[in-house]
């Protein structure tokens, strides 16, 4: 029974096992096919992702290459623009040197009223053109990150007084009042860049006067904060002009942009002043801002930090320079200049000084003349045929070294005004670099600085106060008479007031000596010391007799 049952079971089991095995195989085949399909799909997805990644890498590489190419193109464009500006500056400044120089020589000659009006218009037009060139170069320096700031001691009172005197000349023509409010909390002796500060204030005050037809212009200077050695000052210039619409207030700081297109036609200007002023203020550590109400006026303000300078430190004049004694007569000067017009101009500048002037038309001729003779000073043009001025300067310095000769001052005269031009001149061996157009006063000052002998005191006022300098000296000559009368009458209070006024204004007009004399007079008057007062009155008279102000 059991054996039969086993046979039956084996017969029944054989087909069932095959069926099960077949089913299992079919399932495995189906699973394998599924896995193959899924794997294929994943492989395709991975391949697609890989291709996408490679495309992205290629696109990124192309983008980076495009950005690098764009950067190189931008740098090349910047270099090309700088080169173009440098060339144009040189080509414009070279004839401007003769034009402005001759105009200034005419101004110093004997002219009747009508002729003086014509020459005055001539000079103003030339100065305006030169200002435009300087503005464009300043903008180029700012964009290239090459705008340098200086740090020298100066008196805020003197800078503000000279700036306001200049602006009042224009404000008086429009019957406008200029009001200045200077906080008594401010330390007046500062250290910073007075020329750049003056440039910003002149631009803001000049705009306020230009666009205001009635009312007043207000300059307010306040102290925002103070530390042990630094104080932050806020300068605000307000006017009662037409104001600026809110939507146009941001536009006025853009290059060559004014709030209204009709402004340029009505008032003139290029739209560069505020752009440059904002950039200067930012370089000084502040920000120039505007608030305005159309129909009521505008206020431009900025806050910048200044170091506090010790009182009593030797103060340069408002241009950052000390007056120098004029060079003695008898100096033998070698002028190296290829332009006939500029040869004539420099000769005219030195005509009444009894200095001996020899001319070389190129660098090689200059080297030949210099090594064959003895010169006290060389005026070296930079760009010339045959041999340029820098190569000639290097040759002269090498000859001096071989001969063991003294170092002769060489003053570079160049129409190149970009920053690297000064560095190249210094590197070649020049003692200083004068940029064309060169004013007579600037040239005489430079000669005086490098040949300090003689009796005349040559003072170079800044461009802004140049026309007011003779008037200022006439006022001091009147003070000289008043001082003598006050000393004789024992009126020490009058002497103190006159001294105080001179102390606060002299250096602002370029006469640092008058500031020192005024301070000494004020101190001596407080002590009622007749002897020191008499000495200072004599010093003032001597200075006024010897001072020479040359209209540049």
Protein backbone atom coordinates (compact mmCIF):
# COMPACT_ATOMS: atom_id res chain seq x y z
CA UNK A 1 0.00 0.00 0.00
CA UNK A 2 2.69 2.30 0.91
CA UNK A 3 4.74 1.46 -2.16
CA UNK A 4 1.73 2.09 -4.41
CA UNK A 5 1.10 5.38 -2.76
CA UNK A 6 4.68 6.45 -3.34
CA UNK A 7 4.52 5.66 -7.01
CA UNK A 8 1.32 7.63 -7.34
CA UNK A 9 2.86 10.57 -5.58
CA UNK A 10 5.96 10.48 -7.74
CA UNK A 11 3.85 10.41 -10.88
CA UNK A 12 1.80 13.33 -9.62
CA UNK A 13 4.85 15.23 -8.41
CA UNK A 14 6.90 15.13 -11.61
CA UNK A 15 4.63 17.43 -13.70
CA UNK A 16 4.02 19.71 -10.70
CA UNK A 17 7.75 20.16 -10.13
CA UNK A 18 8.30 20.96 -13.78
CA UNK A 19 5.52 23.42 -13.74
CA UNK A 20 6.87 25.08 -10.62
CA UNK A 21 10.39 25.11 -12.01
CA UNK A 22 9.16 26.55 -15.29
CA UNK A 23 7.22 29.22 -13.43
CA UNK A 24 10.25 30.08 -11.39
CA UNK A 25 12.39 30.33 -14.49
CA UNK A 26 9.84 32.50 -16.21
CA UNK A 27 9.73 34.76 -13.17
CA UNK A 28 13.49 34.98 -13.15
CA UNK A 29 13.52 35.78 -16.86
CA UNK A 30 10.86 38.45 -16.37
CA UNK A 31 12.79 39.94 -13.44
CA UNK A 32 15.98 39.89 -15.48
CA UNK A 33 14.25 41.59 -18.39
CA UNK A 34 12.85 44.17 -16.00
CA UNK A 35 16.23 44.74 -14.47
CA UNK A 36 17.74 45.09 -17.93
CA UNK A 37 15.07 47.63 -18.87
CA UNK A 38 15.50 49.55 -15.63
CA UNK A 39 19.28 49.41 -15.94
CA UNK A 40 19.02 50.62 -19.52
CA UNK A 41 16.76 53.43 -18.49
CA UNK A 42 19.12 54.42 -15.68
CA UNK A 43 22.09 54.17 -18.03
CA UNK A 44 20.34 56.45 -20.49
CA UNK A 45 19.47 58.83 -17.68
CA UNK A 46 23.06 58.77 -16.46
CA UNK A 47 24.32 59.30 -19.99
CA UNK A 48 21.89 62.18 -20.42
CA UNK A 49 22.95 63.66 -17.08
CA UNK A 50 26.59 63.21 -18.02
CA UNK A 51 26.02 64.89 -21.37
CA UNK A 52 24.13 67.71 -19.59
CA UNK A 53 26.96 68.10 -17.09
CA UNK A 54 29.51 68.19 -19.87
CA UNK A 55 27.39 70.76 -21.69
CA UNK A 56 27.21 72.84 -18.52
CA UNK A 57 30.96 72.56 -18.03
CA UNK A 58 31.51 73.63 -21.63
CA UNK A 59 29.04 76.50 -21.21
CA UNK A 60 30.71 77.58 -17.96
CA UNK A 61 34.14 77.39 -19.57
CA UNK A 62 32.85 79.40 -22.50
CA UNK A 63 31.27 81.89 -20.10
CA UNK A 64 34.53 82.18 -18.14
CA UNK A 65 36.47 82.62 -21.36
CA UNK A 66 33.92 85.19 -22.50
CA UNK A 67 34.19 87.04 -19.17
CA UNK A 68 37.99 86.91 -19.34
CA UNK A 69 37.88 88.19 -22.91
CA UNK A 70 35.45 90.93 -21.86
CA UNK A 71 37.72 91.86 -18.94
CA UNK A 72 40.74 91.99 -21.22
CA UNK A 73 38.76 94.05 -23.70
CA UNK A 74 37.65 96.42 -20.91
CA UNK A 75 41.22 96.75 -19.62
CA UNK A 76 42.45 97.34 -23.15
CA UNK A 77 39.69 99.92 -23.66
CA UNK A 78 40.69 101.63 -20.39
CA UNK A 79 44.33 101.67 -21.48
CA UNK A 80 43.35 102.94 -24.91
CA UNK A 81 41.21 105.67 -23.32
CA UNK A 82 44.03 106.65 -20.95
CA UNK A 83 46.49 106.72 -23.84
CA UNK A 84 44.06 108.78 -25.91
CA UNK A 85 43.47 111.24 -23.06
CA UNK A 86 47.20 111.49 -22.44
CA UNK A 87 47.89 112.18 -26.13
CA UNK A 88 45.03 114.64 -26.45
CA UNK A 89 46.07 116.37 -23.24
CA UNK A 90 49.60 116.68 -24.59
CA UNK A 91 48.46 117.96 -27.98
CA UNK A 92 46.06 120.49 -26.45
CA UNK A 93 48.32 121.65 -23.62
CA UNK A 94 51.27 122.35 -25.92
CA UNK A 95 49.56 125.17 -27.88
CA UNK A 96 47.64 126.21 -24.75
CA UNK A 97 50.99 126.90 -23.11
CA UNK A 98 51.74 129.57 -25.70
CA UNK A 99 48.15 130.89 -25.89
CA UNK A 100 47.62 131.38 -22.16
CA UNK A 101 51.22 132.43 -21.56
CA UNK A 102 51.08 135.19 -24.16
CA UNK A 103 47.65 136.29 -22.92
CA UNK A 104 49.02 136.63 -19.39
CA UNK A 105 52.04 138.55 -20.63
CA UNK A 106 49.69 140.92 -22.45
CA UNK A 107 47.64 141.29 -19.27
CA UNK A 108 50.76 142.43 -17.41
CA UNK A 109 51.61 144.99 -20.09
CA UNK A 110 50.26 148.52 -20.49
CA UNK A 111 46.74 148.19 -21.91
CA UNK A 112 43.92 150.66 -22.30
CA UNK A 113 40.46 149.83 -20.95
CA UNK A 114 39.13 148.30 -24.16
CA UNK A 115 42.25 146.20 -24.74
CA UNK A 116 42.13 144.95 -21.15
CA UNK A 117 38.53 143.81 -21.68
CA UNK A 118 39.52 141.85 -24.77
CA UNK A 119 42.55 140.23 -23.14
CA UNK A 120 40.49 139.49 -20.03
CA UNK A 121 37.95 137.61 -22.14
CA UNK A 122 40.83 135.83 -23.85
CA UNK A 123 42.29 134.70 -20.50
CA UNK A 124 38.91 133.59 -19.10
CA UNK A 125 38.16 131.51 -22.18
CA UNK A 126 41.60 129.89 -21.97
CA UNK A 127 41.18 129.20 -18.25
CA UNK A 128 37.75 127.65 -18.88
CA UNK A 129 39.22 125.37 -21.53
CA UNK A 130 42.05 124.40 -19.21
CA UNK A 131 39.55 123.69 -16.41
CA UNK A 132 37.63 121.39 -18.75
CA UNK A 133 40.85 119.53 -19.65
CA UNK A 134 41.74 119.20 -15.97
CA UNK A 135 38.23 117.93 -15.13
CA UNK A 136 38.44 115.26 -17.80
CA UNK A 137 41.87 114.19 -16.57
CA UNK A 138 40.62 114.14 -12.96
CA UNK A 139 37.72 111.93 -14.03
CA UNK A 140 40.11 109.63 -15.87
CA UNK A 141 42.34 109.39 -12.78
CA UNK A 142 39.33 108.59 -10.62
CA UNK A 143 38.14 105.84 -12.97
CA UNK A 144 41.66 104.38 -13.08
CA UNK A 145 41.94 104.58 -9.27
CA UNK A 146 44.89 106.97 -9.49
CA UNK A 147 43.52 110.09 -7.78
CA UNK A 148 46.08 110.88 -5.07
CA UNK A 149 45.31 112.75 -1.85
CA UNK A 150 47.96 114.69 0.05
CA UNK A 151 48.24 115.17 3.80
CA UNK A 152 49.61 118.53 4.93
CA UNK A 153 48.89 120.98 7.76
CA UNK A 154 46.48 123.79 6.99
CA UNK A 155 44.20 126.29 8.72
CA UNK A 156 40.49 125.79 8.04
CA UNK A 157 39.74 129.48 8.71
CA UNK A 158 42.19 130.60 6.04
CA UNK A 159 40.97 128.11 3.46
CA UNK A 160 37.32 129.06 4.02
CA UNK A 161 38.05 132.81 4.01
CA UNK A 162 39.95 132.66 0.70
CA UNK A 163 37.28 130.45 -0.87
CA UNK A 164 34.45 132.76 0.21
CA UNK A 165 36.32 135.84 -1.03
CA UNK A 166 36.57 134.21 -4.43
CA UNK A 167 32.88 133.28 -4.48
CA UNK A 168 31.77 136.72 -3.32
CA UNK A 169 33.26 138.24 -6.45
CA UNK A 170 30.72 136.23 -8.49
CA UNK A 171 27.90 136.57 -5.95
CA UNK A 172 28.19 140.36 -5.91
CA UNK A 173 27.50 140.40 -9.65
CA UNK A 174 24.08 138.87 -8.87
CA UNK A 175 23.48 140.80 -5.62
CA UNK A 176 23.53 137.54 -3.64
CA UNK A 177 24.56 137.21 -0.01
CA UNK A 178 27.03 134.49 1.00
CA UNK A 179 26.71 133.55 4.66
CA UNK A 180 29.20 131.34 6.49
CA UNK A 181 28.47 129.63 9.81
CA UNK A 182 31.55 127.97 11.32
CA UNK A 183 31.00 126.12 14.60
CA UNK A 184 33.24 127.41 17.45
CA UNK A 185 33.71 123.78 18.62
CA UNK A 186 35.83 122.93 15.56
CA UNK A 187 39.60 122.55 15.80
CA UNK A 188 40.83 124.95 13.11
CA UNK A 189 44.33 123.51 12.62
CA UNK A 190 43.86 120.43 10.46
CA UNK A 191 45.88 117.92 8.49
CA UNK A 192 44.58 116.69 5.14
CA UNK A 193 44.35 117.74 1.51
CA UNK A 194 43.33 121.44 1.44
CA UNK A 195 43.48 121.63 -2.36
CA UNK A 196 40.93 118.84 -2.86
CA UNK A 197 38.70 120.23 -0.09
CA UNK A 198 38.85 123.65 -1.73
CA UNK A 199 38.04 122.07 -5.11
CA UNK A 200 34.86 120.52 -3.70
CA UNK A 201 33.77 123.68 -1.86
CA UNK A 202 34.38 125.86 -4.92
CA UNK A 203 32.30 123.50 -7.04
CA UNK A 204 29.39 123.42 -4.58
CA UNK A 205 29.46 127.15 -3.83
CA UNK A 206 29.97 127.96 -7.51
CA UNK A 207 26.92 125.88 -8.46
CA UNK A 208 24.87 127.52 -5.71
CA UNK A 209 25.79 131.01 -6.94
CA UNK A 210 25.29 130.03 -10.58
CA UNK A 211 21.78 128.63 -10.13
CA UNK A 212 20.51 131.16 -7.56
CA UNK A 213 19.03 134.38 -8.93
CA UNK A 214 17.82 135.88 -5.64
CA UNK A 215 18.31 135.23 -1.96
CA UNK A 216 21.45 133.80 -0.41
CA UNK A 217 23.99 131.00 -0.37
CA UNK A 218 24.78 129.50 3.03
CA UNK A 219 27.92 127.56 3.98
CA UNK A 220 27.66 125.74 7.31
CA UNK A 221 30.55 123.77 8.85
CA UNK A 222 29.84 121.70 11.96
CA UNK A 223 31.65 119.08 13.99
CA UNK A 224 29.99 115.66 13.87
CA UNK A 225 32.44 113.80 16.10
CA UNK A 226 35.87 114.20 17.66
CA UNK A 227 38.51 111.85 19.00
CA UNK A 228 42.01 112.23 20.39
CA UNK A 229 43.56 113.06 17.02
CA UNK A 230 40.70 113.08 14.46
CA UNK A 231 37.54 115.11 14.04
CA UNK A 232 34.78 114.60 11.50
CA UNK A 233 33.41 117.78 9.96
CA UNK A 234 30.15 118.21 8.06
CA UNK A 235 30.10 120.79 5.28
CA UNK A 236 26.71 121.96 3.99
CA UNK A 237 26.06 124.37 1.12
CA UNK A 238 22.48 125.61 0.83
CA UNK A 239 20.91 127.93 -1.72
CA UNK A 240 17.56 129.52 -2.53
CA UNK A 241 17.65 128.47 -6.17
CA UNK A 242 15.13 126.54 -8.28
CA UNK A 243 15.74 123.20 -6.54
CA UNK A 244 15.94 119.74 -8.09
CA UNK A 245 13.07 117.30 -8.64
CA UNK A 246 13.34 114.10 -6.58
CA UNK A 247 13.52 111.82 -9.62
CA UNK A 248 16.47 113.81 -10.99
CA UNK A 249 18.53 114.11 -7.82
CA UNK A 250 20.45 110.88 -8.45
CA UNK A 251 21.16 111.85 -12.07
CA UNK A 252 23.14 114.98 -11.27
CA UNK A 253 26.06 112.90 -9.94
CA UNK A 254 26.41 111.00 -13.20
CA UNK A 255 29.11 111.93 -15.70
CA UNK A 256 28.23 114.72 -18.18
CA UNK A 257 24.70 114.89 -16.73
CA UNK A 258 22.71 117.86 -15.50
CA UNK A 259 19.23 117.95 -14.00
CA UNK A 260 17.80 119.64 -17.08
CA UNK A 261 19.12 119.69 -20.63
CA UNK A 262 18.44 123.42 -20.83
CA UNK A 263 20.85 124.09 -17.94
CA UNK A 264 23.93 123.68 -20.12
CA UNK A 265 22.54 126.15 -22.65
CA UNK A 266 21.50 128.69 -20.00
CA UNK A 267 24.31 128.40 -17.46
CA UNK A 268 27.08 126.47 -19.22
CA UNK A 269 29.10 123.68 -17.67
CA UNK A 270 29.79 120.08 -18.59
CA UNK A 271 28.13 118.16 -15.76
CA UNK A 272 31.50 116.88 -14.51
CA UNK A 273 31.87 118.97 -11.35
CA UNK A 274 29.50 117.05 -9.07
CA UNK A 275 30.74 113.70 -10.39
CA UNK A 276 34.31 114.61 -9.53
CA UNK A 277 33.32 116.20 -6.20
CA UNK A 278 31.45 113.08 -5.07
CA UNK A 279 34.41 110.87 -6.00
CA UNK A 280 36.85 113.16 -4.16
CA UNK A 281 34.65 113.17 -1.06
CA UNK A 282 34.44 109.37 -1.15
CA UNK A 283 38.24 109.15 -1.46
CA UNK A 284 38.42 111.42 1.62
CA UNK A 285 36.21 108.99 3.54
CA UNK A 286 32.78 110.61 3.18
CA UNK A 287 29.79 110.79 0.87
CA UNK A 288 28.30 113.77 -0.96
CA UNK A 289 24.51 113.96 -0.67
CA UNK A 290 21.74 116.29 -1.80
CA UNK A 291 18.35 117.27 -0.43
CA UNK A 292 16.16 119.62 -2.42
CA UNK A 293 12.67 121.03 -2.68
CA UNK A 294 11.70 122.33 -6.14
CA UNK A 295 11.04 126.04 -5.98
CA UNK A 296 12.74 126.51 -2.60
CA UNK A 297 16.36 125.48 -3.01
CA UNK A 298 18.92 122.72 -2.49
CA UNK A 299 21.43 121.61 0.12
CA UNK A 300 24.56 119.64 -0.72
CA UNK A 301 26.41 118.18 2.24
CA UNK A 302 29.23 115.81 3.11
CA UNK A 303 31.08 114.71 6.24
CA UNK A 304 34.77 113.79 6.15
CA UNK A 305 37.40 113.10 8.85
CA UNK A 306 40.49 115.26 9.32
CA UNK A 307 43.48 114.82 11.57
CA UNK A 308 43.88 117.54 14.19
CA UNK A 309 47.18 119.37 13.60
CA UNK A 310 49.09 120.95 16.49
CA UNK A 311 48.67 124.70 16.80
CA UNK A 312 51.71 126.74 15.95
CA UNK A 313 53.02 124.23 13.40
CA UNK A 314 54.64 125.77 10.37
CA UNK A 315 51.79 126.32 7.97
CA UNK A 316 52.17 126.29 4.20
CA UNK A 317 50.12 128.72 2.17
CA UNK A 318 46.75 127.74 0.72
CA UNK A 319 48.35 125.96 -2.21
CA UNK A 320 50.43 123.74 0.04
CA UNK A 321 53.60 125.67 -0.81
CA UNK A 322 55.80 128.07 1.11
CA UNK A 323 56.80 131.35 -0.56
CA UNK A 324 60.41 131.25 -1.74
CA UNK A 325 62.92 133.97 -2.29
CA UNK A 326 63.38 134.78 -5.92
CA UNK A 327 66.45 133.48 -7.73
CA UNK A 328 69.37 135.82 -8.03
CA UNK A 329 70.20 137.56 -11.22
CA UNK A 330 73.07 136.10 -13.20
CA UNK A 331 71.79 132.52 -13.24
CA UNK A 332 72.77 130.66 -16.40
CA UNK A 333 69.77 128.62 -17.55
CA UNK A 334 69.62 126.04 -20.33
CA UNK A 335 66.18 125.84 -21.97
CA UNK A 336 65.62 122.61 -23.90
CA UNK A 337 62.50 123.12 -26.04
CA UNK A 338 61.71 122.29 -29.67
CA UNK A 339 58.65 124.58 -30.01
CA UNK A 340 59.53 128.06 -31.27
CA UNK A 341 56.42 129.48 -29.60
CA UNK A 342 57.35 128.01 -26.22
CA UNK A 343 60.96 129.19 -26.63
CA UNK A 344 59.61 132.70 -27.14
CA UNK A 345 57.25 132.37 -24.16
CA UNK A 346 59.89 131.18 -21.67
CA UNK A 347 62.29 133.84 -22.93
CA UNK A 348 59.59 136.47 -22.31
CA UNK A 349 58.92 135.08 -18.81
CA UNK A 350 62.60 135.55 -17.94
CA UNK A 351 63.14 138.72 -19.98
CA UNK A 352 63.19 141.19 -17.09
CA UNK A 353 65.16 139.00 -14.68
CA UNK A 354 68.66 139.53 -16.14
CA UNK A 355 69.22 135.77 -16.28
CA UNK A 356 71.30 134.29 -19.09
CA UNK A 357 69.23 131.90 -21.19
CA UNK A 358 70.61 129.48 -23.76
CA UNK A 359 68.33 127.35 -25.95
CA UNK A 360 68.71 123.80 -27.25
CA UNK A 361 66.10 122.51 -29.70
CA UNK A 362 66.39 118.79 -28.85
CA UNK A 363 67.80 116.45 -26.23
CA UNK A 364 71.05 115.68 -28.02
CA UNK A 365 71.82 119.36 -28.47
CA UNK A 366 71.06 119.84 -24.77
CA UNK A 367 73.55 117.14 -23.74
CA UNK A 368 76.20 118.67 -26.01
CA UNK A 369 75.64 122.18 -24.62
CA UNK A 370 75.49 121.00 -21.01
CA UNK A 371 78.73 119.02 -21.16
CA UNK A 372 80.51 121.88 -22.92
CA UNK A 373 79.47 124.64 -20.50
CA UNK A 374 78.38 125.40 -16.94
CA UNK A 375 74.67 125.91 -16.16
CA UNK A 376 72.89 126.67 -12.90
CA UNK A 377 69.58 125.14 -13.97
CA UNK A 378 68.04 123.21 -16.88
CA UNK A 379 64.44 123.59 -18.12
CA UNK A 380 63.84 120.32 -19.98
CA UNK A 381 60.94 119.67 -22.34
CA UNK A 382 60.05 115.97 -22.34
CA UNK A 383 58.81 115.20 -25.85
CA UNK A 384 61.26 116.29 -28.58
CA UNK A 385 62.77 115.00 -31.82
CA UNK A 386 66.25 113.39 -32.11
CA UNK A 387 66.44 112.68 -28.36
CA UNK A 388 63.61 113.07 -25.85
CA UNK A 389 64.00 114.99 -22.62
CA UNK A 390 64.07 112.01 -20.25
CA UNK A 391 66.83 110.30 -22.23
CA UNK A 392 68.77 113.58 -22.23
CA UNK A 393 68.28 113.91 -18.46
CA UNK A 394 69.65 110.41 -17.88
CA UNK A 395 72.65 111.23 -20.09
CA UNK A 396 73.32 114.42 -18.12
CA UNK A 397 73.09 112.61 -14.79
CA UNK A 398 75.49 109.91 -16.03
CA UNK A 399 77.95 112.59 -17.21
CA UNK A 400 77.75 114.35 -13.83
CA UNK A 401 78.48 111.05 -12.05
CA UNK A 402 81.50 110.32 -14.27
CA UNK A 403 82.88 113.83 -13.84
CA UNK A 404 82.14 114.01 -10.13
CA UNK A 405 80.27 117.26 -10.86
CA UNK A 406 77.60 118.82 -8.66
CA UNK A 407 74.00 117.90 -9.38
CA UNK A 408 72.40 120.63 -11.51
CA UNK A 409 68.65 121.11 -10.97
CA UNK A 410 66.63 119.86 -13.96
CA UNK A 411 62.99 120.91 -14.20
CA UNK A 412 60.86 118.83 -16.56
CA UNK A 413 58.42 120.85 -18.69
CA UNK A 414 55.76 118.56 -20.10
CA UNK A 415 52.28 118.61 -21.59
CA UNK A 416 51.75 115.11 -20.14
CA UNK A 417 49.60 115.46 -17.03
CA UNK A 418 48.81 111.84 -16.12
CA UNK A 419 50.18 110.48 -12.84
CA UNK A 420 52.87 108.24 -14.35
CA UNK A 421 54.40 111.23 -16.19
CA UNK A 422 55.57 112.65 -12.86
CA UNK A 423 57.02 109.30 -11.80
CA UNK A 424 58.87 108.87 -15.11
CA UNK A 425 60.39 112.35 -14.79
CA UNK A 426 61.59 111.63 -11.26
CA UNK A 427 62.95 108.23 -12.28
CA UNK A 428 64.95 109.80 -15.12
CA UNK A 429 66.60 112.25 -12.71
CA UNK A 430 64.46 115.39 -12.94
CA UNK A 431 64.05 117.39 -9.74
CA UNK A 432 60.45 118.37 -10.43
CA UNK A 433 57.79 118.13 -13.13
CA UNK A 434 55.86 121.21 -14.35
CA UNK A 435 52.75 120.60 -16.41
CA UNK A 436 51.96 122.81 -19.40
CA UNK A 437 50.47 125.32 -19.73
CA UNK A 438 52.99 126.78 -17.30
CA UNK A 439 52.18 130.12 -15.73
CA UNK A 440 54.91 132.68 -15.27
CA UNK A 441 54.45 132.67 -11.50
CA UNK A 442 54.70 128.88 -11.39
CA UNK A 443 57.94 128.88 -13.38
CA UNK A 444 59.52 131.65 -11.30
CA UNK A 445 58.44 129.89 -8.11
CA UNK A 446 60.03 126.62 -9.28
CA UNK A 447 63.26 128.36 -10.25
CA UNK A 448 63.26 130.13 -6.88
CA UNK A 449 62.74 126.84 -5.06
CA UNK A 450 65.76 125.23 -6.70
CA UNK A 451 68.03 128.33 -6.73
CA UNK A 452 67.34 129.98 -3.38
CA UNK A 453 69.31 133.21 -3.51
CA UNK A 454 68.45 136.86 -4.02
CA UNK A 455 66.34 139.54 -2.40
CA UNK A 456 62.94 139.49 -4.10
CA UNK A 457 60.24 137.34 -2.49
CA UNK A 458 58.32 135.55 -5.22
CA UNK A 459 54.89 134.42 -4.01
CA UNK A 460 52.61 132.23 -6.08
CA UNK A 461 48.95 132.69 -5.10
CA UNK A 462 46.55 129.89 -5.92
CA UNK A 463 44.60 130.21 -9.14
CA UNK A 464 41.38 130.87 -7.20
CA UNK A 465 42.67 134.00 -5.40
CA UNK A 466 45.18 135.22 -7.98
CA UNK A 467 43.08 138.21 -9.07
CA UNK A 468 42.42 139.22 -5.44
CA UNK A 469 46.07 139.12 -4.32
CA UNK A 470 46.99 142.69 -5.41
CA UNK A 471 43.86 144.02 -3.70
CA UNK A 472 44.80 142.15 -0.53
CA UNK A 473 48.32 143.59 -0.50
CA UNK A 474 46.93 147.11 -1.00
CA UNK A 475 44.76 146.55 2.08
CA UNK A 476 47.82 145.52 4.09
CA UNK A 477 49.70 148.62 2.94
CA UNK A 478 46.82 150.66 4.35
CA UNK A 479 47.10 148.60 7.55
CA UNK A 480 50.80 149.49 7.73
CA UNK A 481 49.94 153.19 7.98
CA UNK A 482 47.20 152.44 10.53
CA UNK A 483 49.58 150.29 12.62
CA UNK A 484 52.19 153.04 12.79
CA UNK A 485 49.54 155.58 13.85
CA UNK A 486 48.10 153.18 16.46
CA UNK A 487 51.54 152.48 17.93
CA UNK A 488 52.23 156.20 18.21
CA UNK A 489 48.85 156.70 19.93
CA UNK A 490 49.28 153.67 22.19
CA UNK A 491 46.12 152.09 20.80
CA UNK A 492 47.02 148.45 21.48
CA UNK A 493 43.47 147.24 20.91
CA UNK A 494 43.53 148.53 17.32
CA UNK A 495 46.92 146.84 16.77
CA UNK A 496 45.55 143.58 18.20
CA UNK A 497 42.54 143.64 15.86
CA UNK A 498 44.65 144.44 12.79
CA UNK A 499 47.10 141.67 13.71
CA UNK A 500 44.28 139.19 14.28
CA UNK A 501 42.79 139.97 10.87
CA UNK A 502 46.14 139.47 9.14
CA UNK A 503 46.73 136.22 11.03
CA UNK A 504 43.41 134.84 9.84
CA UNK A 505 43.69 135.84 6.20
CA UNK A 506 47.32 136.02 5.03
CA UNK A 507 48.01 132.38 4.18
CA UNK A 508 44.60 132.07 2.55
CA UNK A 509 45.80 134.47 -0.13
CA UNK A 510 49.20 132.80 -0.40
CA UNK A 511 51.08 135.12 2.03
CA UNK A 512 52.12 132.87 4.91
CA UNK A 513 54.57 135.57 6.08
CA UNK A 514 51.67 137.98 6.72
CA UNK A 515 49.94 135.33 8.82
CA UNK A 516 53.06 134.97 10.99
CA UNK A 517 53.50 138.74 11.30
CA UNK A 518 49.81 139.14 12.22
CA UNK A 519 50.06 136.48 14.94
CA UNK A 520 53.16 138.16 16.38
CA UNK A 521 51.46 141.59 16.31
CA UNK A 522 48.39 140.22 18.09
CA UNK A 523 50.51 138.59 20.80
CA UNK A 524 52.68 141.69 21.28
CA UNK A 525 49.62 144.00 21.44
CA UNK A 526 48.09 141.90 24.23
CA UNK A 527 51.30 142.43 26.21
CA UNK A 528 51.47 146.11 25.18
CA UNK A 529 55.10 145.56 24.12
CA UNK A 530 56.16 148.50 21.96
CA UNK A 531 59.52 146.99 20.94
CA UNK A 532 58.17 143.74 19.44
CA UNK A 533 55.29 145.64 17.82
CA UNK A 534 57.75 147.99 16.12
CA UNK A 535 59.84 145.04 14.91
CA UNK A 536 56.77 143.37 13.36
CA UNK A 537 55.62 146.61 11.71
CA UNK A 538 59.09 146.90 10.16
CA UNK A 539 58.92 143.24 9.06
CA UNK A 540 55.55 143.87 7.42
CA UNK A 541 56.86 146.94 5.60
CA UNK A 542 59.93 145.02 4.42
CA UNK A 543 57.79 142.14 3.17
CA UNK A 544 55.35 144.43 1.32
CA UNK A 545 58.27 146.20 -0.30
CA UNK A 546 60.02 143.01 -1.45
CA UNK A 547 57.06 140.78 -2.29
CA UNK A 548 56.53 140.07 -5.98
CA UNK A 549 53.20 138.68 -7.11
CA UNK A 550 53.37 137.56 -10.71
CA UNK A 551 50.08 137.12 -12.50
CA UNK A 552 50.19 133.61 -13.92
